[in-house]
C-alpha atoms as a PDB file:
ATOM      1  CA  MET A   1      87.019 -84.927-105.145  1.00  0.00           C
ATOM      2  CA  THR A   2      88.684 -81.772-103.929  1.00  0.00           C
ATOM      3  CA  LEU A   3      87.327 -78.399-102.903  1.00  0.00           C
ATOM      4  CA  LEU A   4      89.400 -75.461-104.121  1.00  0.00           C
ATOM      5  CA  ARG A   5      88.883 -71.735-103.703  1.00  0.00           C
ATOM      6  CA  TYR A   6      90.030 -68.961-106.015  1.00  0.00           C
ATOM      7  CA  ASP A   7      89.947 -65.206-105.743  1.00  0.00           C
ATOM      8  CA  ALA A   8      88.714 -65.109-109.339  1.00  0.00           C
ATOM      9  CA  PRO A   9      85.000 -64.620-110.099  1.00  0.00           C
ATOM     10  CA  VAL A  10      84.598 -68.385-110.541  1.00  0.00           C
ATOM     11  CA  ARG A  11      85.881 -71.067-108.183  1.00  0.00           C
ATOM     12  CA  PRO A  12      86.204 -74.828-108.538  1.00  0.00           C
ATOM     13  CA  LEU A  13      83.792 -76.694-106.283  1.00  0.00           C
ATOM     14  CA  PHE A  14      84.760 -80.220-107.254  1.00  0.00           C
ATOM     15  CA  ILE A  15      87.499 -81.807-109.320  1.00  0.00           C
ATOM     16  CA  ARG A  16      87.101 -85.312-110.667  1.00  0.00           C
ATOM     17  CA  ARG A  17      90.156 -87.008-112.135  1.00  0.00           C
ATOM     18  CA  SER A  18      90.297 -89.732-114.729  1.00  0.00           C
ATOM     19  CA  SER A  19      91.976 -93.005-113.805  1.00  0.00           C
ATOM     20  CA  ARG A  20      93.930 -92.581-117.037  1.00  0.00           C
ATOM     21  CA  THR A  21      96.206 -89.891-115.612  1.00  0.00           C
ATOM     22  CA  LEU A  22      99.789 -89.012-116.275  1.00  0.00           C
ATOM     23  CA  GLY A  23     102.310 -90.808-114.092  1.00  0.00           C
ATOM     24  CA  SER A  24     103.846 -88.686-111.353  1.00  0.00           C
ATOM     25  CA  PHE A  25     107.194 -90.527-111.707  1.00  0.00           C
ATOM     26  CA  ASP A  26     107.541 -90.709-107.926  1.00  0.00           C
ATOM     27  CA  THR A  27     107.373 -94.491-107.549  1.00  0.00           C
ATOM     28  CA  PRO A  28     108.544 -97.442-109.655  1.00  0.00           C
ATOM     29  CA  GLU A  29     104.899 -98.275-110.298  1.00  0.00           C
ATOM     30  CA  SER A  30     104.169 -94.910-111.954  1.00  0.00           C
ATOM     31  CA  LYS A  31     103.292 -95.216-115.613  1.00  0.00           C
ATOM     32  CA  VAL A  32     103.022 -92.645-118.375  1.00  0.00           C
ATOM     33  CA  THR A  33      99.845 -93.017-120.381  1.00  0.00           C
ATOM     34  CA  GLN A  34      98.873 -91.034-123.441  1.00  0.00           C
ATOM     35  CA  GLY A  35      96.344 -88.780-121.815  1.00  0.00           C
ATOM     36  CA  SER A  36      95.250 -86.952-118.720  1.00  0.00           C
ATOM     37  CA  VAL A  37      91.903 -85.431-117.911  1.00  0.00           C
ATOM     38  CA  GLU A  38      90.501 -83.454-115.005  1.00  0.00           C
ATOM     39  CA  LYS A  39      86.917 -82.296-114.876  1.00  0.00           C
ATOM     40  CA  PHE A  40      85.912 -79.272-112.807  1.00  0.00           C
ATOM     41  CA  LEU A  41      82.663 -77.965-111.409  1.00  0.00           C
ATOM     42  CA  LEU A  42      82.980 -74.183-111.124  1.00  0.00           C
ATOM     43  CA  GLU A  43      80.789 -71.887-109.074  1.00  0.00           C
ATOM     44  CA  LEU A  44      79.793 -68.513-110.531  1.00  0.00           C
ATOM     45  CA  PRO A  45      79.270 -65.348-108.468  1.00  0.00           C
ATOM     46  CA  ASP A  46      75.472 -65.790-108.585  1.00  0.00           C
ATOM     47  CA  GLY A  47      75.668 -69.337-107.208  1.00  0.00           C
ATOM     48  CA  ASN A  48      75.126 -71.117-110.527  1.00  0.00           C
ATOM     49  CA  ALA A  49      77.651 -73.697-111.695  1.00  0.00           C
ATOM     50  CA  ILE A  50      79.304 -74.749-114.936  1.00  0.00           C
ATOM     51  CA  GLU A  51      81.768 -77.420-116.038  1.00  0.00           C
ATOM     52  CA  ALA A  52      85.200 -77.300-117.623  1.00  0.00           C
ATOM     53  CA  VAL A  53      87.757 -79.955-118.512  1.00  0.00           C
ATOM     54  CA  LEU A  54      91.558 -79.878-118.647  1.00  0.00           C
ATOM     55  CA  LEU A  55      93.035 -82.284-121.184  1.00  0.00           C
ATOM     56  CA  GLY A  56      96.654 -83.237-121.676  1.00  0.00           C
ATOM     57  CA  HIS A  57      97.753 -85.612-124.411  1.00  0.00           C
ATOM     58  CA  PHE A  58     100.821 -86.797-126.275  1.00  0.00           C
ATOM     59  CA  GLY A  59     101.799 -89.565-128.657  1.00  0.00           C
ATOM     60  CA  PRO A  60     103.029 -93.113-127.944  1.00  0.00           C
ATOM     61  CA  ARG A  61     106.607 -92.348-129.069  1.00  0.00           C
ATOM     62  CA  VAL A  62     106.883 -89.593-126.466  1.00  0.00           C
ATOM     63  CA  ALA A  63     105.493 -91.960-123.817  1.00  0.00           C
ATOM     64  CA  LEU A  64     108.162 -94.573-124.589  1.00  0.00           C
ATOM     65  CA  LEU A  65     110.985 -92.018-124.464  1.00  0.00           C
ATOM     66  CA  LEU A  66     109.769 -90.634-121.165  1.00  0.00           C
ATOM     67  CA  GLU A  67     109.459 -94.096-119.634  1.00  0.00           C
ATOM     68  CA  ALA A  68     113.039 -94.831-120.733  1.00  0.00           C
ATOM     69  CA  ASP A  69     114.285 -91.593-119.134  1.00  0.00           C
ATOM     70  CA  ALA A  70     112.422 -92.372-115.932  1.00  0.00           C
ATOM     71  CA  ALA A  71     113.813 -95.929-115.785  1.00  0.00           C
ATOM     72  CA  ILE A  72     117.400 -94.660-116.147  1.00  0.00           C
ATOM     73  CA  GLU A  73     116.961 -92.109-113.383  1.00  0.00           C
ATOM     74  CA  ARG A  74     115.432 -94.709-111.071  1.00  0.00           C
ATOM     75  CA  ARG A  75     118.353 -97.097-111.663  1.00  0.00           C
ATOM     76  CA  LEU A  76     120.649 -94.251-110.644  1.00  0.00           C
ATOM     77  CA  GLY A  77     118.674 -93.903-107.441  1.00  0.00           C
ATOM     78  CA  ARG A  78     117.237 -90.521-108.376  1.00  0.00           C
ATOM     79  CA  ALA A  79     113.676 -89.317-108.606  1.00  0.00           C
ATOM     80  CA  PRO A  80     112.840 -89.109-112.328  1.00  0.00           C
ATOM     81  CA  LEU A  81     112.589 -85.321-112.343  1.00  0.00           C
ATOM     82  CA  ARG A  82     114.213 -84.880-115.746  1.00  0.00           C
ATOM     83  CA  ALA A  83     111.594 -87.124-117.343  1.00  0.00           C
ATOM     84  CA  TRP A  84     108.839 -85.195-115.573  1.00  0.00           C
ATOM     85  CA  ALA A  85     110.237 -81.862-116.810  1.00  0.00           C
ATOM     86  CA  ARG A  86     110.457 -83.181-120.364  1.00  0.00           C
ATOM     87  CA  LEU A  87     106.909 -84.445-120.105  1.00  0.00           C
ATOM     88  CA  GLN A  88     105.573 -80.979-119.315  1.00  0.00           C
ATOM     89  CA  ARG A  89     107.188 -79.598-122.457  1.00  0.00           C
ATOM     90  CA  LYS A  90     105.765 -82.377-124.634  1.00  0.00           C
ATOM     91  CA  ILE A  91     102.176 -82.393-123.418  1.00  0.00           C
ATOM     92  CA  SER A  92      99.617 -80.498-125.441  1.00  0.00           C
ATOM     93  CA  TRP A  93      97.370 -78.942-122.793  1.00  0.00           C
ATOM     94  CA  GLU A  94      93.858 -77.968-123.829  1.00  0.00           C
ATOM     95  CA  THR A  95      90.780 -76.912-121.922  1.00  0.00           C
ATOM     96  CA  CYS A  96      87.154 -77.433-122.874  1.00  0.00           C
ATOM     97  CA  VAL A  97      85.003 -74.653-121.419  1.00  0.00           C
ATOM     98  CA  SER A  98      81.302 -73.946-120.982  1.00  0.00           C
ATOM     99  CA  THR A  99      79.816 -70.808-122.511  1.00  0.00           C
ATOM    100  CA  GLN A 100      76.341 -70.836-120.962  1.00  0.00           C
ATOM    101  CA  VAL A 101      74.707 -71.828-117.689  1.00  0.00           C
ATOM    102  CA  GLY A 102      72.694 -74.793-118.917  1.00  0.00           C
ATOM    103  CA  CYS A 103      71.826 -75.483-122.539  1.00  0.00           C
ATOM    104  CA  ALA A 104      68.727 -74.654-124.576  1.00  0.00           C
ATOM    105  CA  LEU A 105      69.454 -76.997-127.489  1.00  0.00           C
ATOM    106  CA  ASP A 106      67.941 -80.149-125.930  1.00  0.00           C
ATOM    107  CA  CYS A 107      70.003 -82.608-127.988  1.00  0.00           C
ATOM    108  CA  ARG A 108      68.479 -85.981-127.120  1.00  0.00           C
ATOM    109  CA  PHE A 109      71.806 -87.812-126.739  1.00  0.00           C
ATOM    110  CA  CYS A 110      73.571 -85.183-124.606  1.00  0.00           C
ATOM    111  CA  ALA A 111      73.670 -84.950-120.814  1.00  0.00           C
ATOM    112  CA  SER A 112      73.489 -81.166-121.098  1.00  0.00           C
ATOM    113  CA  SER A 113      69.851 -81.614-122.105  1.00  0.00           C
ATOM    114  CA  THR A 114      69.190 -82.397-118.428  1.00  0.00           C
ATOM    115  CA  VAL A 115      70.627 -79.024-117.363  1.00  0.00           C
ATOM    116  CA  PRO A 116      68.052 -76.235-117.916  1.00  0.00           C
ATOM    117  CA  PHE A 117      69.276 -73.117-119.689  1.00  0.00           C
ATOM    118  CA  LEU A 118      69.520 -70.082-117.425  1.00  0.00           C
ATOM    119  CA  ARG A 119      71.807 -67.504-118.992  1.00  0.00           C
ATOM    120  CA  ASN A 120      74.916 -66.695-121.005  1.00  0.00           C
ATOM    121  CA  LEU A 121      78.300 -66.344-119.353  1.00  0.00           C
ATOM    122  CA  THR A 122      79.865 -62.897-119.481  1.00  0.00           C
ATOM    123  CA  SER A 123      83.257 -62.418-121.110  1.00  0.00           C
ATOM    124  CA  ASP A 124      84.741 -61.817-117.636  1.00  0.00           C
ATOM    125  CA  GLU A 125      83.304 -65.126-116.412  1.00  0.00           C
ATOM    126  CA  LEU A 126      84.677 -66.927-119.467  1.00  0.00           C
ATOM    127  CA  GLU A 127      88.139 -65.464-118.934  1.00  0.00           C
ATOM    128  CA  SER A 128      88.006 -66.396-115.258  1.00  0.00           C
ATOM    129  CA  GLU A 129      86.873 -69.927-116.129  1.00  0.00           C
ATOM    130  CA  ILE A 130      89.869 -70.347-118.424  1.00  0.00           C
ATOM    131  CA  ALA A 131      92.252 -68.844-115.862  1.00  0.00           C
ATOM    132  CA  ALA A 132      91.008 -71.179-113.125  1.00  0.00           C
ATOM    133  CA  ILE A 133      91.641 -74.234-115.308  1.00  0.00           C
ATOM    134  CA  GLU A 134      94.946 -72.904-116.644  1.00  0.00           C
ATOM    135  CA  SER A 135      96.203 -72.584-113.070  1.00  0.00           C
ATOM    136  CA  ARG A 136      95.969 -76.397-112.767  1.00  0.00           C
ATOM    137  CA  ILE A 137      98.556 -77.004-115.497  1.00  0.00           C
ATOM    138  CA  PRO A 138     101.793 -78.283-113.900  1.00  0.00           C
ATOM    139  CA  ALA A 139     104.883 -76.069-113.862  1.00  0.00           C
ATOM    140  CA  GLY A 140     106.629 -76.152-117.227  1.00  0.00           C
ATOM    141  CA  GLY A 141     103.446 -76.751-119.194  1.00  0.00           C
ATOM    142  CA  ARG A 142     101.373 -74.195-121.061  1.00  0.00           C
ATOM    143  CA  LEU A 143      97.858 -73.948-122.407  1.00  0.00           C
ATOM    144  CA  ARG A 144      97.857 -74.401-126.174  1.00  0.00           C
ATOM    145  CA  LYS A 145      94.177 -74.433-127.112  1.00  0.00           C
ATOM    146  CA  VAL A 146      90.765 -73.539-125.715  1.00  0.00           C
ATOM    147  CA  LEU A 147      87.802 -75.572-126.947  1.00  0.00           C
ATOM    148  CA  PHE A 148      84.466 -73.788-126.705  1.00  0.00           C
ATOM    149  CA  ALA A 149      82.647 -77.100-126.521  1.00  0.00           C
ATOM    150  CA  GLY A 150      81.356 -77.496-122.969  1.00  0.00           C
ATOM    151  CA  ILE A 151      77.851 -76.770-121.713  1.00  0.00           C
ATOM    152  CA  GLY A 152      75.892 -74.427-123.965  1.00  0.00           C
ATOM    153  CA  GLU A 153      75.925 -73.312-127.596  1.00  0.00           C
ATOM    154  CA  PRO A 154      78.899 -70.946-128.030  1.00  0.00           C
ATOM    155  CA  LEU A 155      77.444 -69.094-131.001  1.00  0.00           C
ATOM    156  CA  LEU A 156      74.357 -68.159-128.982  1.00  0.00           C
ATOM    157  CA  ASN A 157      76.812 -66.215-126.820  1.00  0.00           C
ATOM    158  CA  TYR A 158      78.890 -64.866-129.679  1.00  0.00           C
ATOM    159  CA  PRO A 159      79.818 -61.359-128.409  1.00  0.00           C
ATOM    160  CA  ALA A 160      81.343 -62.807-125.233  1.00  0.00           C
ATOM    161  CA  ILE A 161      83.268 -65.620-126.908  1.00  0.00           C
ATOM    162  CA  ALA A 162      84.533 -63.305-129.659  1.00  0.00           C
ATOM    163  CA  SER A 163      86.024 -61.004-127.027  1.00  0.00           C
ATOM    164  CA  VAL A 164      87.689 -63.922-125.250  1.00  0.00           C
ATOM    165  CA  ILE A 165      89.005 -65.442-128.493  1.00  0.00           C
ATOM    166  CA  ARG A 166      90.716 -62.157-129.358  1.00  0.00           C
ATOM    167  CA  ALA A 167      92.424 -62.181-125.960  1.00  0.00           C
ATOM    168  CA  LEU A 168      93.519 -65.814-126.409  1.00  0.00           C
ATOM    169  CA  LEU A 169      94.926 -65.228-129.884  1.00  0.00           C
ATOM    170  CA  SER A 170      96.942 -62.282-128.570  1.00  0.00           C
ATOM    171  CA  ARG A 171      98.600 -64.748-126.151  1.00  0.00           C
ATOM    172  CA  GLY A 172      99.322 -67.307-128.857  1.00  0.00           C
ATOM    173  CA  ILE A 173      96.606 -69.693-127.632  1.00  0.00           C
ATOM    174  CA  ALA A 174      94.504 -71.347-130.333  1.00  0.00           C
ATOM    175  CA  ALA A 175      90.714 -71.521-130.184  1.00  0.00           C
ATOM    176  CA  LYS A 176      88.189 -74.020-131.475  1.00  0.00           C
ATOM    177  CA  VAL A 177      84.465 -73.291-131.607  1.00  0.00           C
ATOM    178  CA  ASN A 178      81.827 -76.026-131.567  1.00  0.00           C
ATOM    179  CA  THR A 179      78.355 -75.206-132.861  1.00  0.00           C
ATOM    180  CA  VAL A 180      75.167 -76.784-134.169  1.00  0.00           C
ATOM    181  CA  GLY A 181      75.387 -74.256-137.001  1.00  0.00           C
ATOM    182  CA  VAL A 182      73.834 -70.990-135.810  1.00  0.00           C
ATOM    183  CA  ILE A 183      73.738 -69.178-139.157  1.00  0.00           C
ATOM    184  CA  PRO A 184      73.603 -65.517-137.991  1.00  0.00           C
ATOM    185  CA  SER A 185      76.542 -66.004-135.629  1.00  0.00           C
ATOM    186  CA  LEU A 186      78.511 -67.947-138.231  1.00  0.00           C
ATOM    187  CA  GLU A 187      78.107 -64.924-140.484  1.00  0.00           C
ATOM    188  CA  SER A 188      79.487 -62.711-137.704  1.00  0.00           C
ATOM    189  CA  LEU A 189      82.378 -65.087-137.038  1.00  0.00           C
ATOM    190  CA  PHE A 190      83.307 -65.134-140.716  1.00  0.00           C
ATOM    191  CA  ALA A 191      82.992 -61.351-141.049  1.00  0.00           C
ATOM    192  CA  ASP A 192      85.133 -60.697-137.966  1.00  0.00           C
ATOM    193  CA  GLY A 193      88.009 -62.729-139.380  1.00  0.00           C
ATOM    194  CA  LEU A 194      88.842 -64.495-136.109  1.00  0.00           C
ATOM    195  CA  GLU A 195      91.396 -67.246-136.721  1.00  0.00           C
ATOM    196  CA  VAL A 196      89.742 -70.300-135.212  1.00  0.00           C
ATOM    197  CA  GLU A 197      89.065 -73.941-135.852  1.00  0.00           C
ATOM    198  CA  LEU A 198      85.394 -74.719-136.364  1.00  0.00           C
ATOM    199  CA  ALA A 199      83.534 -77.901-135.442  1.00  0.00           C
ATOM    200  CA  VAL A 200      79.944 -78.218-136.634  1.00  0.00           C
ATOM    201  CA  SER A 201      77.749 -80.813-134.947  1.00  0.00           C
ATOM    202  CA  ILE A 202      75.936 -82.611-137.764  1.00  0.00           C
ATOM    203  CA  HIS A 203      75.064 -85.962-136.126  1.00  0.00           C
ATOM    204  CA  ALA A 204      72.451 -86.805-138.778  1.00  0.00           C
ATOM    205  CA  PRO A 205      72.702 -86.729-142.575  1.00  0.00           C
ATOM    206  CA  ASN A 206      69.223 -85.328-143.243  1.00  0.00           C
ATOM    207  CA  ASP A 207      67.020 -82.651-141.712  1.00  0.00           C
ATOM    208  CA  GLU A 208      64.293 -85.040-140.542  1.00  0.00           C
ATOM    209  CA  LEU A 209      66.545 -87.237-138.409  1.00  0.00           C
ATOM    210  CA  ARG A 210      68.543 -84.235-137.253  1.00  0.00           C
ATOM    211  CA  ALA A 211      65.376 -82.555-135.969  1.00  0.00           C
ATOM    212  CA  GLU A 212      64.595 -85.689-133.938  1.00  0.00           C
ATOM    213  CA  LEU A 213      68.063 -85.856-132.396  1.00  0.00           C
ATOM    214  CA  MET A 214      68.647 -82.100-132.145  1.00  0.00           C
ATOM    215  CA  PRO A 215      65.310 -80.262-131.868  1.00  0.00           C
ATOM    216  CA  ALA A 216      66.971 -76.841-131.838  1.00  0.00           C
ATOM    217  CA  GLY A 217      68.530 -77.685-135.187  1.00  0.00           C
ATOM    218  CA  LYS A 218      65.170 -77.322-136.914  1.00  0.00           C
ATOM    219  CA  GLY A 219      65.936 -73.671-137.533  1.00  0.00           C
ATOM    220  CA  TYR A 220      69.259 -74.427-139.221  1.00  0.00           C
ATOM    221  CA  LYS A 221      68.813 -76.623-142.285  1.00  0.00           C
ATOM    222  CA  LEU A 222      71.728 -78.708-143.484  1.00  0.00           C
ATOM    223  CA  ALA A 223      71.654 -77.062-146.919  1.00  0.00           C
ATOM    224  CA  GLU A 224      72.015 -73.635-145.285  1.00  0.00           C
ATOM    225  CA  ILE A 225      74.849 -74.854-143.083  1.00  0.00           C
ATOM    226  CA  LYS A 226      76.663 -76.354-146.069  1.00  0.00           C
ATOM    227  CA  GLY A 227      76.213 -73.118-147.981  1.00  0.00           C
ATOM    228  CA  MET A 228      77.760 -71.157-145.115  1.00  0.00           C
ATOM    229  CA  LEU A 229      80.686 -73.552-144.741  1.00  0.00           C
ATOM    230  CA  SER A 230      81.398 -73.416-148.458  1.00  0.00           C
ATOM    231  CA  ARG A 231      81.957 -69.662-148.041  1.00  0.00           C
ATOM    232  CA  ALA A 232      84.204 -69.931-144.987  1.00  0.00           C
ATOM    233  CA  PRO A 233      87.060 -67.409-145.141  1.00  0.00           C
ATOM    234  CA  ALA A 234      90.742 -68.264-144.790  1.00  0.00           C
ATOM    235  CA  SER A 235      90.580 -67.221-141.122  1.00  0.00           C
ATOM    236  CA  ILE A 236      88.723 -70.485-140.425  1.00  0.00           C
ATOM    237  CA  ARG A 237      91.785 -72.668-140.132  1.00  0.00           C
ATOM    238  CA  PHE A 238      90.084 -76.066-140.044  1.00  0.00           C
ATOM    239  CA  ILE A 239      86.514 -77.347-140.314  1.00  0.00           C
ATOM    240  CA  GLU A 240      85.237 -80.530-138.684  1.00  0.00           C
ATOM    241  CA  LEU A 241      81.875 -82.112-139.361  1.00  0.00           C
ATOM    242  CA  LYS A 242      81.153 -83.892-136.087  1.00  0.00           C
ATOM    243  CA  TYR A 243      79.070 -87.040-136.338  1.00  0.00           C
ATOM    244  CA  LEU A 244      78.247 -89.071-133.242  1.00  0.00           C
ATOM    245  CA  LEU A 245      77.543 -92.678-134.193  1.00  0.00           C
ATOM    246  CA  LEU A 246      74.476 -94.048-132.385  1.00  0.00           C
ATOM    247  CA  ASP A 247      73.619 -97.722-132.609  1.00  0.00           C
ATOM    248  CA  GLY A 248      70.705 -98.296-134.993  1.00  0.00           C
ATOM    249  CA  VAL A 249      69.911 -94.589-135.227  1.00  0.00           C
ATOM    250  CA  ASN A 250      72.260 -92.864-137.679  1.00  0.00           C
ATOM    251  CA  ASP A 251      74.844 -95.497-138.606  1.00  0.00           C
ATOM    252  CA  SER A 252      73.393 -97.372-141.603  1.00  0.00           C
ATOM    253  CA  PRO A 253      74.978 -97.540-145.080  1.00  0.00           C
ATOM    254  CA  ASP A 254      72.233 -95.214-146.347  1.00  0.00           C
ATOM    255  CA  HIS A 255      73.164 -92.687-143.674  1.00  0.00           C
ATOM    256  CA  ALA A 256      76.806 -92.929-144.750  1.00  0.00           C
ATOM    257  CA  THR A 257      75.801 -92.265-148.350  1.00  0.00           C
ATOM    258  CA  GLU A 258      73.833 -89.167-147.330  1.00  0.00           C
ATOM    259  CA  LEU A 259      76.637 -87.884-145.121  1.00  0.00           C
ATOM    260  CA  ALA A 260      79.208 -88.342-147.880  1.00  0.00           C
ATOM    261  CA  GLU A 261      76.998 -86.298-150.182  1.00  0.00           C
ATOM    262  CA  PHE A 262      76.732 -83.535-147.577  1.00  0.00           C
ATOM    263  CA  ALA A 263      80.521 -83.438-147.172  1.00  0.00           C
ATOM    264  CA  ARG A 264      81.175 -83.453-150.917  1.00  0.00           C
ATOM    265  CA  GLY A 265      82.737 -80.206-152.078  1.00  0.00           C
ATOM    266  CA  LEU A 266      83.517 -78.920-148.582  1.00  0.00           C
ATOM    267  CA  GLU A 267      87.045 -78.328-147.303  1.00  0.00           C
ATOM    268  CA  ALA A 268      86.189 -80.255-144.166  1.00  0.00           C
ATOM    269  CA  THR A 269      86.953 -83.467-142.311  1.00  0.00           C
ATOM    270  CA  VAL A 270      84.195 -85.772-141.106  1.00  0.00           C
ATOM    271  CA  CYS A 271      84.958 -86.614-137.476  1.00  0.00           C
ATOM    272  CA  LEU A 272      83.166 -89.772-136.392  1.00  0.00           C
ATOM    273  CA  GLN A 273      82.769 -89.825-132.627  1.00  0.00           C
ATOM    274  CA  ILE A 274      82.463 -92.836-130.347  1.00  0.00           C
ATOM    275  CA  TYR A 275      79.513 -92.323-128.017  1.00  0.00           C
ATOM    276  CA  ASN A 276      80.021 -92.404-124.256  1.00  0.00           C
ATOM    277  CA  ARG A 277      76.840 -93.952-122.897  1.00  0.00           C
ATOM    278  CA  ILE A 278      74.815 -91.590-120.691  1.00  0.00           C
ATOM    279  CA  GLU A 279      72.492 -93.208-118.172  1.00  0.00           C
ATOM    280  CA  GLY A 280      68.812 -92.578-118.778  1.00  0.00           C
ATOM    281  CA  LEU A 281      68.999 -91.155-122.304  1.00  0.00           C
ATOM    282  CA  GLY A 282      68.425 -94.455-124.094  1.00  0.00           C
ATOM    283  CA  TYR A 283      71.242 -94.354-126.651  1.00  0.00           C
ATOM    284  CA  GLU A 284      74.157 -96.710-127.222  1.00  0.00           C
ATOM    285  CA  GLY A 285      77.276 -96.224-129.296  1.00  0.00           C
ATOM    286  CA  SER A 286      77.642 -98.092-132.570  1.00  0.00           C
ATOM    287  CA  PRO A 287      79.711-101.296-132.372  1.00  0.00           C
ATOM    288  CA  ALA A 288      83.314-101.071-133.529  1.00  0.00           C
ATOM    289  CA  GLU A 289      82.807-103.055-136.721  1.00  0.00           C
ATOM    290  CA  ARG A 290      79.988-100.734-137.814  1.00  0.00           C
ATOM    291  CA  VAL A 291      82.111 -97.677-137.055  1.00  0.00           C
ATOM    292  CA  ARG A 292      84.871 -99.069-139.264  1.00  0.00           C
ATOM    293  CA  ALA A 293      82.436 -99.912-142.046  1.00  0.00           C
ATOM    294  CA  PHE A 294      80.845 -96.456-141.862  1.00  0.00           C
ATOM    295  CA  ALA A 295      84.263 -94.776-142.059  1.00  0.00           C
ATOM    296  CA  SER A 296      85.343 -97.022-144.928  1.00  0.00           C
ATOM    297  CA  GLN A 297      82.216 -96.184-146.916  1.00  0.00           C
ATOM    298  CA  LEU A 298      82.775 -92.453-146.395  1.00  0.00           C
ATOM    299  CA  ARG A 299      86.405 -92.711-147.482  1.00  0.00           C
ATOM    300  CA  GLY A 300      85.362 -94.722-150.509  1.00  0.00           C
ATOM    301  CA  ALA A 301      83.082 -91.843-151.470  1.00  0.00           C
ATOM    302  CA  GLY A 302      85.982 -89.395-151.267  1.00  0.00           C
ATOM    303  CA  ALA A 303      85.431 -87.905-147.800  1.00  0.00           C
ATOM    304  CA  ARG A 304      88.255 -87.119-145.386  1.00  0.00           C
ATOM    305  CA  VAL A 305      87.515 -89.031-142.188  1.00  0.00           C
ATOM    306  CA  ASP A 306      88.861 -89.156-138.650  1.00  0.00           C
ATOM    307  CA  ILE A 307      87.574 -91.424-135.888  1.00  0.00           C
ATOM    308  CA  LEU A 308      87.665 -89.714-132.506  1.00  0.00           C
ATOM    309  CA  ASN A 309      87.519 -91.847-129.390  1.00  0.00           C
ATOM    310  CA  SER A 310      86.185 -89.748-126.534  1.00  0.00           C
ATOM    311  CA  ASN A 311      86.819 -92.415-123.883  1.00  0.00           C
ATOM    312  CA  LEU A 312      89.604 -90.374-122.274  1.00  0.00           C
ATOM    313  CA  GLY A 313      86.987 -88.539-120.258  1.00  0.00           C
ATOM    314  CA  GLY A 314      84.815 -91.568-119.626  1.00  0.00           C
ATOM    315  CA  THR A 315      85.853 -92.051-116.017  1.00  0.00           C
ATOM    316  CA  VAL A 316      85.050 -88.452-115.136  1.00  0.00           C
ATOM    317  CA  ASP A 317      81.497 -88.532-116.522  1.00  0.00           C
ATOM    318  CA  GLY A 318      82.534 -87.653-120.068  1.00  0.00           C
ATOM    319  CA  GLY A 319      79.180 -86.268-121.156  1.00  0.00           C
ATOM    320  CA  CYS A 320      78.787 -82.513-120.804  1.00  0.00           C
ATOM    321  CA  GLY A 321      76.510 -81.619-117.909  1.00  0.00           C
ATOM    322  CA  GLN A 322      76.775 -84.913-116.035  1.00  0.00           C
ATOM    323  CA  LEU A 323      78.857 -83.706-113.101  1.00  0.00           C
ATOM    324  CA  ARG A 324      76.809 -80.533-112.609  1.00  0.00           C
ATOM    325  CA  ALA A 325      73.507 -82.368-112.931  1.00  0.00           C
ATOM    326  CA  ARG A 326      74.599 -85.119-110.542  1.00  0.00           C
ATOM    327  CA  ILE A 327      75.902 -82.869-107.769  1.00  0.00           C
ATOM    328  CA  LEU A 328      73.573 -79.859-107.905  1.00  0.00           C
ATOM    329  CA  PRO A 329      69.783 -79.921-107.492  1.00  0.00           C
ATOM    330  CA  ARG A 330      67.864 -79.285-110.690  1.00  0.00           C
ATOM    331  CA  ASN A 331      66.220 -75.916-111.085  1.00  0.00           C
ATOM    332  CA  SER A 332      64.082 -75.433-114.163  1.00  0.00           C
ATOM    333  CA  ALA A 333      63.003 -71.885-113.332  1.00  0.00           C
ATOM    334  CA  PRO A 334      64.364 -69.514-116.004  1.00  0.00           C
ATOM    335  CA  HIS A 335      66.985 -67.019-114.928  1.00  0.00           C
ATOM    336  CA  PRO A 336      65.796 -63.400-115.377  1.00  0.00           C
ATOM    337  CA  GLU A 337      68.795 -62.698-117.618  1.00  0.00           C
ATOM    338  CA  ALA A 338      68.289 -65.775-119.811  1.00  0.00           C
ATOM    339  CA  THR A 339      68.593 -65.192-123.548  1.00  0.00           C
ATOM    340  CA  ALA A 340      68.347 -67.624-126.434  1.00  0.00           C
END
């Protein structure tokens, strides 16, 4: 891992790279894969730390074309610079950023539950976080989307993220907001007319199981969340219902039936997520055959379904909060500025 310093109000302390990185095209052994991920630990001015991730991805057809370009240039005895330049134009670069120092939601399956909540990030800190990660994009590439999906609940820090989203949209950078469904802030988001994608963490098809998995979700009933989503304005460009499949916990046929009923009538896509195992939390991901059966049952009931494999970040401690919790000592004392 590498230590970097920035003049900005946040600075990377550590960078951990995935083994599934993009080929550098500087040796015959270099290979282009379909994804790249770097995970950063960033220090704030007050000494606290947060995480952010830089993701680059592209399709298999692009990978084949780039490999062909690189092979031709190598046969000509040249470094495959043209292929590398084309690659930068084809990659879709995104960053996943944290919005709070620690997380108060205490989701049982999430590594962020091990990171005590201290405070919200300011809009200046958020902008600096994004700038620090954006500076890592290779020459020729550009940031296309910011995912507010790192440590913390974005909608519990709505004024700051709203300010940053406006700045991003003015630069032509898309934004996606992940939330457990904080009703008052959803109302503000809808009223403000910010053009964003929205991902709502459902993870259980009924309130009882959801309260077990996501204790903070007790205050936001599924019926209320569905009611809000059904009134989403046109500024909400896309709605995902995120559902993490946990072996023997929320992946039965009855759960699929309940989830299909929740999704019925919503202009939304159910995104089934493959769980990256997190040491010490006691959960395992559902086996592949059960994931397929669950998706098939949902589709049979009329739901739009995607299956998202989050393994791209697996080799950099894919769970939010893991890198920070592993490197920094735990401190459960509340920050004087902490708000919920």
